[in-house]
Amino acid sequence: MNPEFLIAKYEGLLKDHPDDELLLFSLGKALYDAGRVPEAETHLRAALEAKPDWMVVTMLLAKIALQQNDKAAARVLYEKGLELAIAQDHEGPEEEIRAVLAKLDA
């Protein structure tokens, strides 16, 4: 689906439910997919603040930090994501995070 359509949809829904973490994530992801990274980061951080154990959001924020060449922030977020992946039994994301952390260590 077209990211701009999704952005408009989620922006509209957030007007009625401004604290809905799923809508914050959905808008953040749509903005990210549209290349609007700074806006995406704002909404993703709000979603993570509302639900601090959200592994997917943590990983996406880590990816954004890495894209912005902020390796220190990326490492912190990936390490938190790894903790969450292990605690939540998400083997695929755990492997993905370990691979990224190994590259950061190289």
N, C-alpha and C. Protein backbone atom coordinates (compact mmCIF):
# COMPACT_ATOMS: atom_id res chain seq x y z
N MET A 1 0.84 -1.18 0.00
CA MET A 1 0.00 0.00 0.00
C MET A 1 0.89 1.25 0.00
N ASN A 2 0.42 2.29 -0.62
CA ASN A 2 1.14 3.54 -0.76
C ASN A 2 1.43 4.16 0.61
N PRO A 3 2.72 4.42 0.92
CA PRO A 3 3.04 5.00 2.24
C PRO A 3 2.33 6.33 2.50
N GLU A 4 2.18 7.17 1.49
CA GLU A 4 1.52 8.46 1.70
C GLU A 4 0.05 8.28 2.09
N PHE A 5 -0.59 7.28 1.50
CA PHE A 5 -1.97 6.96 1.88
C PHE A 5 -2.02 6.53 3.34
N LEU A 6 -1.08 5.66 3.71
CA LEU A 6 -1.04 5.17 5.09
C LEU A 6 -0.74 6.30 6.07
N ILE A 7 0.18 7.19 5.68
CA ILE A 7 0.51 8.33 6.54
C ILE A 7 -0.74 9.15 6.83
N ALA A 8 -1.49 9.47 5.78
CA ALA A 8 -2.71 10.26 5.95
C ALA A 8 -3.72 9.52 6.81
N LYS A 9 -3.83 8.22 6.59
CA LYS A 9 -4.77 7.40 7.36
C LYS A 9 -4.42 7.43 8.86
N TYR A 10 -3.14 7.16 9.16
CA TYR A 10 -2.75 7.09 10.57
C TYR A 10 -2.73 8.46 11.23
N GLU A 11 -2.40 9.50 10.49
CA GLU A 11 -2.48 10.85 11.05
C GLU A 11 -3.92 11.17 11.45
N GLY A 12 -4.86 10.79 10.60
CA GLY A 12 -6.27 11.01 10.91
C GLY A 12 -6.71 10.24 12.14
N LEU A 13 -6.31 8.98 12.22
CA LEU A 13 -6.69 8.16 13.37
C LEU A 13 -6.05 8.67 14.66
N LEU A 14 -4.83 9.17 14.57
CA LEU A 14 -4.15 9.68 15.76
C LEU A 14 -4.80 10.95 16.31
N LYS A 15 -5.50 11.69 15.46
CA LYS A 15 -6.19 12.88 15.96
C LYS A 15 -7.23 12.51 17.01
N ASP A 16 -7.87 11.35 16.81
CA ASP A 16 -8.88 10.88 17.76
C ASP A 16 -8.28 10.06 18.91
N HIS A 17 -7.10 9.48 18.66
CA HIS A 17 -6.46 8.61 19.66
C HIS A 17 -4.96 8.94 19.73
N PRO A 18 -4.60 10.11 20.24
CA PRO A 18 -3.21 10.57 20.19
C PRO A 18 -2.21 9.75 21.00
N ASP A 19 -2.69 8.95 21.93
CA ASP A 19 -1.79 8.17 22.78
C ASP A 19 -1.77 6.69 22.42
N ASP A 20 -2.37 6.33 21.31
CA ASP A 20 -2.45 4.92 20.90
C ASP A 20 -1.09 4.49 20.36
N GLU A 21 -0.40 3.62 21.11
CA GLU A 21 0.96 3.24 20.71
C GLU A 21 1.00 2.48 19.38
N LEU A 22 -0.03 1.72 19.07
CA LEU A 22 -0.05 1.00 17.80
C LEU A 22 -0.17 1.99 16.63
N LEU A 23 -0.98 3.02 16.80
CA LEU A 23 -1.10 4.04 15.76
C LEU A 23 0.19 4.85 15.64
N LEU A 24 0.83 5.13 16.76
CA LEU A 24 2.12 5.84 16.73
C LEU A 24 3.16 5.02 15.96
N PHE A 25 3.20 3.72 16.24
CA PHE A 25 4.12 2.85 15.52
C PHE A 25 3.77 2.79 14.03
N SER A 26 2.49 2.60 13.74
CA SER A 26 2.06 2.47 12.34
C SER A 26 2.39 3.72 11.55
N LEU A 27 2.17 4.89 12.13
CA LEU A 27 2.52 6.14 11.46
C LEU A 27 4.03 6.25 11.32
N GLY A 28 4.76 5.91 12.36
CA GLY A 28 6.22 5.96 12.29
C GLY A 28 6.76 5.05 11.21
N LYS A 29 6.23 3.86 11.11
CA LYS A 29 6.69 2.91 10.08
C LYS A 29 6.34 3.42 8.69
N ALA A 30 5.15 3.96 8.51
CA ALA A 30 4.75 4.50 7.20
C ALA A 30 5.65 5.67 6.82
N LEU A 31 5.96 6.54 7.78
CA LEU A 31 6.86 7.66 7.52
C LEU A 31 8.26 7.16 7.16
N TYR A 32 8.72 6.15 7.87
CA TYR A 32 10.03 5.56 7.58
C TYR A 32 10.05 5.01 6.16
N ASP A 33 9.01 4.27 5.81
CA ASP A 33 8.92 3.68 4.47
C ASP A 33 8.87 4.75 3.38
N ALA A 34 8.36 5.93 3.72
CA ALA A 34 8.29 7.03 2.77
C ALA A 34 9.58 7.85 2.75
N GLY A 35 10.56 7.47 3.58
CA GLY A 35 11.82 8.18 3.61
C GLY A 35 11.81 9.43 4.48
N ARG A 36 10.77 9.58 5.26
CA ARG A 36 10.64 10.74 6.14
C ARG A 36 11.13 10.35 7.54
N VAL A 37 12.42 10.10 7.61
CA VAL A 37 13.03 9.49 8.80
C VAL A 37 12.92 10.34 10.06
N PRO A 38 13.21 11.65 10.03
CA PRO A 38 13.09 12.41 11.28
C PRO A 38 11.68 12.37 11.87
N GLU A 39 10.67 12.48 11.02
CA GLU A 39 9.29 12.39 11.50
C GLU A 39 9.00 10.99 12.02
N ALA A 40 9.50 10.00 11.32
CA ALA A 40 9.30 8.61 11.74
C ALA A 40 9.89 8.38 13.12
N GLU A 41 11.09 8.88 13.32
CA GLU A 41 11.77 8.69 14.60
C GLU A 41 10.96 9.29 15.75
N THR A 42 10.39 10.44 15.54
CA THR A 42 9.57 11.08 16.58
C THR A 42 8.42 10.19 17.00
N HIS A 43 7.70 9.65 16.03
CA HIS A 43 6.55 8.81 16.35
C HIS A 43 6.96 7.45 16.92
N LEU A 44 8.06 6.91 16.42
CA LEU A 44 8.53 5.64 16.96
C LEU A 44 9.01 5.79 18.40
N ARG A 45 9.66 6.89 18.71
CA ARG A 45 10.09 7.13 20.10
C ARG A 45 8.88 7.27 21.03
N ALA A 46 7.83 7.92 20.54
CA ALA A 46 6.60 8.05 21.34
C ALA A 46 5.98 6.67 21.57
N ALA A 47 5.99 5.83 20.54
CA ALA A 47 5.44 4.48 20.69
C ALA A 47 6.26 3.68 21.70
N LEU A 48 7.58 3.82 21.64
CA LEU A 48 8.44 3.08 22.56
C LEU A 48 8.29 3.60 23.99
N GLU A 49 8.08 4.89 24.13
CA GLU A 49 7.85 5.45 25.46
C GLU A 49 6.57 4.88 26.07
N ALA A 50 5.56 4.69 25.23
CA ALA A 50 4.30 4.14 25.71
C ALA A 50 4.40 2.64 26.01
N LYS A 51 5.29 1.96 25.29
CA LYS A 51 5.44 0.51 25.45
C LYS A 51 6.93 0.17 25.37
N PRO A 52 7.66 0.33 26.48
CA PRO A 52 9.12 0.21 26.47
C PRO A 52 9.67 -1.17 26.10
N ASP A 53 8.84 -2.21 26.16
CA ASP A 53 9.33 -3.55 25.82
C ASP A 53 9.00 -3.95 24.38
N TRP A 54 8.78 -2.97 23.52
CA TRP A 54 8.41 -3.23 22.14
C TRP A 54 9.67 -3.44 21.31
N MET A 55 10.00 -4.70 21.09
CA MET A 55 11.23 -5.08 20.43
C MET A 55 11.32 -4.54 19.00
N VAL A 56 10.25 -4.65 18.23
CA VAL A 56 10.26 -4.22 16.83
C VAL A 56 10.55 -2.72 16.72
N VAL A 57 9.95 -1.94 17.57
CA VAL A 57 10.17 -0.49 17.56
C VAL A 57 11.62 -0.20 17.96
N THR A 58 12.11 -0.91 18.96
CA THR A 58 13.49 -0.73 19.40
C THR A 58 14.45 -1.03 18.25
N MET A 59 14.19 -2.10 17.53
CA MET A 59 15.05 -2.47 16.40
C MET A 59 14.99 -1.43 15.28
N LEU A 60 13.82 -0.91 15.01
CA LEU A 60 13.69 0.08 13.95
C LEU A 60 14.41 1.38 14.34
N LEU A 61 14.31 1.76 15.58
CA LEU A 61 15.04 2.95 16.05
C LEU A 61 16.55 2.71 15.99
N ALA A 62 16.98 1.50 16.27
CA ALA A 62 18.40 1.17 16.16
C ALA A 62 18.85 1.29 14.71
N LYS A 63 18.03 0.81 13.81
CA LYS A 63 18.34 0.88 12.38
C LYS A 63 18.44 2.34 11.93
N ILE A 64 17.54 3.18 12.42
CA ILE A 64 17.58 4.60 12.08
C ILE A 64 18.87 5.23 12.62
N ALA A 65 19.23 4.90 13.85
CA ALA A 65 20.46 5.44 14.44
C ALA A 65 21.67 5.04 13.60
N LEU A 66 21.69 3.80 13.15
CA LEU A 66 22.79 3.32 12.33
C LEU A 66 22.83 4.05 10.99
N GLN A 67 21.67 4.28 10.40
CA GLN A 67 21.60 5.02 9.14
C GLN A 67 22.09 6.45 9.32
N GLN A 68 21.91 6.99 10.50
CA GLN A 68 22.36 8.35 10.80
C GLN A 68 23.82 8.37 11.27
N ASN A 69 24.45 7.20 11.18
CA ASN A 69 25.86 7.03 11.56
C ASN A 69 26.10 7.31 13.05
N ASP A 70 25.07 7.10 13.86
CA ASP A 70 25.21 7.23 15.31
C ASP A 70 25.37 5.82 15.87
N LYS A 71 26.60 5.32 15.76
CA LYS A 71 26.86 3.94 16.15
C LYS A 71 26.67 3.70 17.64
N ALA A 72 26.96 4.69 18.46
CA ALA A 72 26.79 4.54 19.91
C ALA A 72 25.32 4.35 20.25
N ALA A 73 24.46 5.19 19.69
CA ALA A 73 23.02 5.06 19.95
C ALA A 73 22.49 3.76 19.36
N ALA A 74 22.98 3.40 18.18
CA ALA A 74 22.53 2.15 17.55
C ALA A 74 22.89 0.96 18.44
N ARG A 75 24.11 0.97 18.97
CA ARG A 75 24.54 -0.13 19.83
C ARG A 75 23.63 -0.25 21.06
N VAL A 76 23.36 0.86 21.71
CA VAL A 76 22.51 0.84 22.90
C VAL A 76 21.13 0.26 22.56
N LEU A 77 20.57 0.73 21.45
CA LEU A 77 19.25 0.25 21.05
C LEU A 77 19.28 -1.21 20.63
N TYR A 78 20.30 -1.61 19.88
CA TYR A 78 20.39 -3.03 19.49
C TYR A 78 20.60 -3.92 20.71
N GLU A 79 21.38 -3.47 21.67
CA GLU A 79 21.58 -4.27 22.88
C GLU A 79 20.27 -4.41 23.66
N LYS A 80 19.50 -3.34 23.72
CA LYS A 80 18.17 -3.42 24.36
C LYS A 80 17.27 -4.34 23.56
N GLY A 81 17.32 -4.23 22.23
CA GLY A 81 16.53 -5.11 21.38
C GLY A 81 16.90 -6.57 21.58
N LEU A 82 18.20 -6.83 21.76
CA LEU A 82 18.65 -8.20 22.00
C LEU A 82 18.09 -8.73 23.32
N GLU A 83 18.14 -7.91 24.35
CA GLU A 83 17.55 -8.31 25.64
C GLU A 83 16.08 -8.66 25.48
N LEU A 84 15.36 -7.81 24.74
CA LEU A 84 13.93 -8.03 24.54
C LEU A 84 13.68 -9.28 23.70
N ALA A 85 14.49 -9.48 22.66
CA ALA A 85 14.33 -10.66 21.80
C ALA A 85 14.52 -11.94 22.60
N ILE A 86 15.54 -11.95 23.46
CA ILE A 86 15.80 -13.13 24.29
C ILE A 86 14.65 -13.34 25.27
N ALA A 87 14.25 -12.28 25.95
CA ALA A 87 13.18 -12.38 26.95
C ALA A 87 11.85 -12.81 26.33
N GLN A 88 11.63 -12.41 25.08
CA GLN A 88 10.36 -12.68 24.42
C GLN A 88 10.44 -13.89 23.48
N ASP A 89 11.55 -14.59 23.50
CA ASP A 89 11.76 -15.80 22.68
C ASP A 89 11.57 -15.54 21.19
N HIS A 90 12.18 -14.48 20.68
CA HIS A 90 12.15 -14.16 19.26
C HIS A 90 13.51 -14.53 18.67
N GLU A 91 13.63 -15.77 18.18
CA GLU A 91 14.93 -16.27 17.73
C GLU A 91 15.43 -15.56 16.47
N GLY A 92 14.55 -15.32 15.51
CA GLY A 92 14.96 -14.67 14.27
C GLY A 92 15.53 -13.28 14.51
N PRO A 93 14.78 -12.43 15.22
CA PRO A 93 15.32 -11.10 15.54
C PRO A 93 16.59 -11.17 16.39
N GLU A 94 16.66 -12.16 17.28
CA GLU A 94 17.87 -12.30 18.10
C GLU A 94 19.09 -12.53 17.21
N GLU A 95 18.95 -13.42 16.24
CA GLU A 95 20.05 -13.69 15.31
C GLU A 95 20.41 -12.46 14.50
N GLU A 96 19.38 -11.76 14.03
CA GLU A 96 19.60 -10.54 13.24
C GLU A 96 20.36 -9.49 14.05
N ILE A 97 19.96 -9.30 15.29
CA ILE A 97 20.61 -8.31 16.14
C ILE A 97 22.05 -8.72 16.44
N ARG A 98 22.25 -9.99 16.74
CA ARG A 98 23.62 -10.46 17.02
C ARG A 98 24.54 -10.21 15.82
N ALA A 99 24.01 -10.41 14.62
CA ALA A 99 24.81 -10.19 13.40
C ALA A 99 25.17 -8.70 13.26
N VAL A 100 24.21 -7.82 13.53
CA VAL A 100 24.48 -6.38 13.44
C VAL A 100 25.49 -5.97 14.49
N LEU A 101 25.33 -6.46 15.72
CA LEU A 101 26.27 -6.12 16.79
C LEU A 101 27.68 -6.62 16.46
N ALA A 102 27.78 -7.79 15.84
CA ALA A 102 29.10 -8.30 15.45
C ALA A 102 29.74 -7.39 14.42
N LYS A 103 28.97 -6.87 13.49
CA LYS A 103 29.51 -5.93 12.50
C LYS A 103 29.94 -4.62 13.16
N LEU A 104 29.19 -4.18 14.17
CA LEU A 104 29.58 -2.97 14.88
C LEU A 104 30.88 -3.17 15.64
N ASP A 105 31.12 -4.39 16.09
CA ASP A 105 32.34 -4.70 16.85
C ASP A 105 33.55 -4.87 15.94
N ALA A 106 33.30 -5.11 14.66
CA ALA A 106 34.41 -5.38 13.72
C ALA A 106 35.21 -4.14 13.40
